Amino acid sequence: MKKALVTGASSGIGYNISHRLLNLGYEVIGISRTLPNDLLSHKSFTHIKCDLSDEKQTISLCEDLKSQELDILINCAGFGKFEPHEELNLKTITQMSFLNLTAPMLLTNATLRSLKKNAGYLINISSIEALRASKFAGVYSATKAGLKAFSDSLFEESRKSNLSISNINPDMTQSFFYDSLRFDVSDKENEKLLTSDIADAVEHILNMRKGAVVSEYTIRSLNFGIKKK
């Protein structure tokens, strides 16, 4: 059975991707701070508790992962805070930068040999904000643009291997991501994405002929909408 590692597996995009991979017959290792309770009963799901915004915890996890045989790594964990830059506190900037960008690079470093050997897949969940400039999103956009740049560079670096590397850029997606923010996705179905839309993209990538790679996968809602709280 092929094995996938998914970060942010307890909710949102990471949860839906984990659920989809289990349905596709993969063994899934889910990493998150909280327990994805309804996945724990699945015989092919294993949970690792780790706060990927914490440097010590992440480095310790990476040391353990070096001995794992993996076919897929999907970096989903992340958070955003959207304020004037001078209003962000230093801890928020540090944690956002580490979780959104440094942790995926460390996890990739720890698992890359295995992924290459197994002709696997590295999928980084970035954001539409990696492709544009938005006010109040300086740090978040920088981390996601950095993740995209990392994916693009690693794709070129790894083209002699059979590793497929894809960067997915979702638009606003209905999830717990917005719980602590001042805005949320629209209530209208054609003005938002669902986490299942991102899981569809992952399934599409995995089902493609191995000789073809979707290196950049941008998903937008048909219409634009936003809801202020």
Protein backbone atom coordinates (compact mmCIF):
# COMPACT_ATOMS: atom_id res chain seq x y z
CA MET A 1 0.00 0.00 0.00
CA LYS A 2 1.37 3.41 -0.96
CA LYS A 3 1.91 5.85 1.87
CA ALA A 4 1.10 9.58 2.00
CA LEU A 5 2.07 12.20 4.56
CA VAL A 6 -0.38 15.11 4.91
CA THR A 7 0.14 18.12 7.17
CA GLY A 8 -2.80 20.03 8.62
CA ALA A 9 -4.81 16.82 8.51
CA SER A 10 -7.25 17.60 11.30
CA SER A 11 -9.38 20.16 9.44
CA GLY A 12 -10.01 22.06 6.25
CA ILE A 13 -8.10 21.25 3.08
CA GLY A 14 -5.71 18.84 4.80
CA TYR A 15 -8.57 16.87 6.32
CA ASN A 16 -10.44 16.56 3.04
CA ILE A 17 -7.30 15.51 1.17
CA SER A 18 -6.53 12.90 3.86
CA HIS A 19 -10.06 11.54 3.60
CA ARG A 20 -9.83 11.40 -0.20
CA LEU A 21 -6.49 9.58 -0.14
CA LEU A 22 -7.88 6.98 2.27
CA ASN A 23 -10.79 6.41 -0.11
CA LEU A 24 -8.30 5.99 -2.95
CA GLY A 25 -6.54 3.22 -1.06
CA TYR A 26 -3.53 5.05 0.35
CA GLU A 27 -2.12 4.69 3.82
CA VAL A 28 -2.14 8.18 5.32
CA ILE A 29 0.01 9.69 8.05
CA GLY A 30 -1.70 12.88 9.20
CA ILE A 31 0.20 15.59 11.06
CA SER A 32 -1.64 18.22 13.10
CA ARG A 33 -1.85 19.82 16.52
CA THR A 34 -5.34 18.45 17.16
CA LEU A 35 -6.85 15.03 16.59
CA PRO A 36 -8.92 14.38 13.44
CA ASN A 37 -11.31 12.22 15.46
CA ASP A 38 -13.36 10.73 12.65
CA LEU A 39 -10.22 9.63 10.78
CA LEU A 40 -8.65 7.84 13.75
CA SER A 41 -10.88 4.80 13.37
CA HIS A 42 -9.72 4.19 9.80
CA LYS A 43 -7.31 1.26 9.72
CA SER A 44 -5.04 3.00 7.20
CA PHE A 45 -4.73 6.30 9.08
CA THR A 46 -1.99 7.18 11.56
CA HIS A 47 -1.86 10.48 13.43
CA ILE A 48 1.26 12.32 14.55
CA LYS A 49 0.69 15.23 16.91
CA CYS A 50 3.03 18.10 16.12
CA ASP A 51 2.89 21.88 16.12
CA LEU A 52 4.62 22.73 12.85
CA SER A 53 4.97 26.36 13.85
CA ASP A 54 7.34 25.23 16.61
CA GLU A 55 10.94 24.82 15.43
CA LYS A 56 12.00 22.19 17.98
CA GLN A 57 8.96 19.99 17.40
CA THR A 58 9.32 20.24 13.63
CA ILE A 59 13.02 19.40 13.57
CA SER A 60 12.42 16.42 15.87
CA LEU A 61 9.64 15.20 13.58
CA CYS A 62 11.87 15.59 10.52
CA GLU A 63 14.56 13.43 12.11
CA ASP A 64 11.97 10.68 12.65
CA LEU A 65 10.63 10.99 9.10
CA LYS A 66 14.02 10.35 7.51
CA SER A 67 13.49 6.62 8.10
CA GLN A 68 9.97 6.59 6.61
CA GLU A 69 9.21 5.16 3.18
CA LEU A 70 6.84 7.64 1.53
CA ASP A 71 5.16 7.99 -1.84
CA ILE A 72 3.41 11.34 -1.32
CA LEU A 73 4.07 14.46 0.74
CA ILE A 74 1.33 17.09 0.81
CA ASN A 75 2.09 20.28 2.72
CA CYS A 76 -1.27 21.79 3.74
CA ALA A 77 -0.75 23.25 7.20
CA GLY A 78 -0.78 27.02 7.35
CA PHE A 79 -2.50 30.11 8.69
CA GLY A 80 -2.97 33.74 7.75
CA LYS A 81 -3.35 37.01 9.61
CA PHE A 82 -4.40 39.99 7.53
CA GLU A 83 -3.67 43.35 9.13
CA PRO A 84 -1.59 46.45 8.38
CA HIS A 85 1.97 45.22 8.70
CA GLU A 86 2.80 47.44 11.66
CA GLU A 87 -0.17 45.96 13.54
CA LEU A 88 1.16 42.39 13.37
CA ASN A 89 3.05 41.28 16.44
CA LEU A 90 6.46 39.68 16.09
CA LYS A 91 5.26 36.25 17.23
CA THR A 92 2.58 36.18 14.54
CA ILE A 93 5.10 37.07 11.83
CA THR A 94 7.56 34.45 13.06
CA GLN A 95 5.00 31.66 13.40
CA MET A 96 3.35 32.40 10.05
CA SER A 97 6.69 32.40 8.27
CA PHE A 98 7.79 29.16 9.91
CA LEU A 99 4.53 27.24 9.47
CA ASN A 100 3.75 28.38 5.93
CA LEU A 101 7.24 28.21 4.45
CA THR A 102 10.04 26.88 6.66
CA ALA A 103 8.21 23.77 7.87
CA PRO A 104 7.34 22.58 4.32
CA MET A 105 10.98 23.03 3.29
CA LEU A 106 12.19 21.06 6.32
CA LEU A 107 9.67 18.26 5.76
CA THR A 108 10.64 18.08 2.10
CA ASN A 109 14.30 17.91 3.04
CA ALA A 110 13.59 14.99 5.38
CA THR A 111 11.51 12.99 2.91
CA LEU A 112 12.93 13.87 -0.51
CA ARG A 113 15.21 10.86 -0.90
CA SER A 114 12.33 8.50 -0.23
CA LEU A 115 9.97 10.38 -2.55
CA LYS A 116 12.52 10.29 -5.37
CA LYS A 117 13.27 6.61 -4.86
CA ASN A 118 9.57 5.74 -4.96
CA ALA A 119 8.79 7.95 -7.99
CA GLY A 120 6.45 9.84 -5.72
CA TYR A 121 4.62 13.15 -5.50
CA LEU A 122 5.32 16.38 -3.65
CA ILE A 123 2.26 18.64 -3.57
CA ASN A 124 2.45 22.03 -1.88
CA ILE A 125 -0.82 23.80 -1.09
CA SER A 126 0.01 27.44 -1.67
CA SER A 127 -2.58 30.19 -2.29
CA ILE A 128 -3.90 32.55 -4.91
CA GLU A 129 -2.04 35.16 -2.83
CA ALA A 130 1.22 33.72 -4.14
CA LEU A 131 0.29 35.09 -7.57
CA ARG A 132 -0.91 38.60 -6.72
CA ALA A 133 -0.39 41.53 -4.37
CA SER A 134 -3.13 42.21 -1.81
CA LYS A 135 -3.21 44.82 0.92
CA PHE A 136 -2.89 43.60 4.50
CA ALA A 137 -1.42 40.30 3.23
CA GLY A 138 2.28 41.12 3.08
CA VAL A 139 3.60 38.33 5.29
CA TYR A 140 1.06 35.73 4.19
CA SER A 141 1.63 36.48 0.50
CA ALA A 142 5.40 36.39 0.99
CA THR A 143 5.25 32.96 2.59
CA LYS A 144 3.01 31.54 -0.12
CA ALA A 145 5.03 33.13 -2.93
CA GLY A 146 8.11 31.65 -1.28
CA LEU A 147 6.49 28.22 -1.19
CA LYS A 148 5.66 28.53 -4.88
CA ALA A 149 9.25 29.57 -5.68
CA PHE A 150 10.54 26.62 -3.65
CA SER A 151 8.28 24.22 -5.58
CA ASP A 152 9.29 25.67 -8.94
CA SER A 153 13.01 25.50 -8.16
CA LEU A 154 12.78 21.97 -6.79
CA PHE A 155 10.85 20.88 -9.87
CA GLU A 156 13.76 21.96 -12.08
CA GLU A 157 16.27 20.41 -9.68
CA SER A 158 14.48 17.05 -9.64
CA ARG A 159 13.57 16.59 -13.30
CA LYS A 160 16.11 13.79 -13.76
CA SER A 161 14.23 11.81 -11.13
CA ASN A 162 10.70 10.42 -11.37
CA LEU A 163 9.40 12.75 -8.66
CA SER A 164 6.36 14.82 -9.63
CA ILE A 165 6.13 18.25 -7.97
CA SER A 166 2.95 20.32 -8.06
CA ASN A 167 1.97 23.64 -6.57
CA ILE A 168 -1.76 24.19 -5.95
CA ASN A 169 -3.00 27.78 -5.59
CA PRO A 170 -6.57 27.84 -4.22
CA ASP A 171 -8.72 30.94 -4.05
CA MET A 172 -10.83 31.55 -0.92
CA THR A 173 -11.91 28.14 0.34
CA GLN A 174 -14.62 27.46 2.90
CA SER A 175 -12.88 26.15 6.03
CA PHE A 176 -11.90 26.99 9.60
CA PHE A 177 -9.08 29.16 8.19
CA TYR A 178 -11.32 32.23 8.52
CA ASP A 179 -12.62 31.61 12.04
CA SER A 180 -10.34 34.16 13.68
CA LEU A 181 -10.37 36.65 10.79
CA ARG A 182 -12.56 39.67 10.11
CA PHE A 183 -13.91 38.24 6.86
CA ASP A 184 -15.10 34.92 5.50
CA VAL A 185 -16.02 33.26 2.24
CA SER A 186 -19.28 34.18 0.58
CA ASP A 187 -22.44 32.20 1.28
CA LYS A 188 -23.00 31.80 -2.46
CA GLU A 189 -21.83 28.54 -3.99
CA ASN A 190 -20.32 30.16 -7.09
CA GLU A 191 -18.33 32.69 -5.01
CA LYS A 192 -16.23 30.25 -3.00
CA LEU A 193 -14.26 27.03 -3.23
CA LEU A 194 -14.92 23.92 -1.17
CA THR A 195 -12.18 21.81 0.38
CA SER A 196 -13.39 18.98 -1.83
CA ASP A 197 -12.40 21.07 -4.87
CA ILE A 198 -8.78 21.00 -3.69
CA ALA A 199 -9.00 17.26 -3.03
CA ASP A 200 -10.30 16.88 -6.61
CA ALA A 201 -7.17 18.65 -7.84
CA VAL A 202 -4.94 16.32 -5.84
CA GLU A 203 -6.77 13.27 -7.21
CA HIS A 204 -6.39 14.64 -10.74
CA ILE A 205 -2.64 15.08 -10.26
CA LEU A 206 -2.26 11.55 -8.93
CA ASN A 207 -4.31 10.03 -11.76
CA MET A 208 -2.37 11.66 -14.59
CA ARG A 209 0.11 9.76 -16.72
CA LYS A 210 3.36 9.73 -14.79
CA GLY A 211 5.22 11.33 -17.69
CA ALA A 212 3.08 14.47 -17.41
CA VAL A 213 3.15 16.88 -14.45
CA VAL A 214 0.78 19.68 -13.54
CA SER A 215 3.45 21.87 -11.99
CA GLU A 216 1.05 24.78 -11.35
CA TYR A 217 -2.63 24.27 -10.48
CA THR A 218 -4.66 27.44 -9.80
CA ILE A 219 -8.30 27.08 -8.72
CA ARG A 220 -10.63 30.10 -8.65
CA SER A 221 -14.28 30.53 -7.78
CA LEU A 222 -16.44 31.31 -10.79
CA ASN A 223 -17.51 34.68 -9.33
CA PHE A 224 -15.90 36.86 -6.69
CA GLY A 225 -17.49 37.24 -3.30
CA ILE A 226 -16.51 37.91 0.29
CA LYS A 227 -18.41 38.22 3.56
CA LYS A 228 -17.44 40.69 6.26
CA LYS A 229 -18.08 39.65 9.86
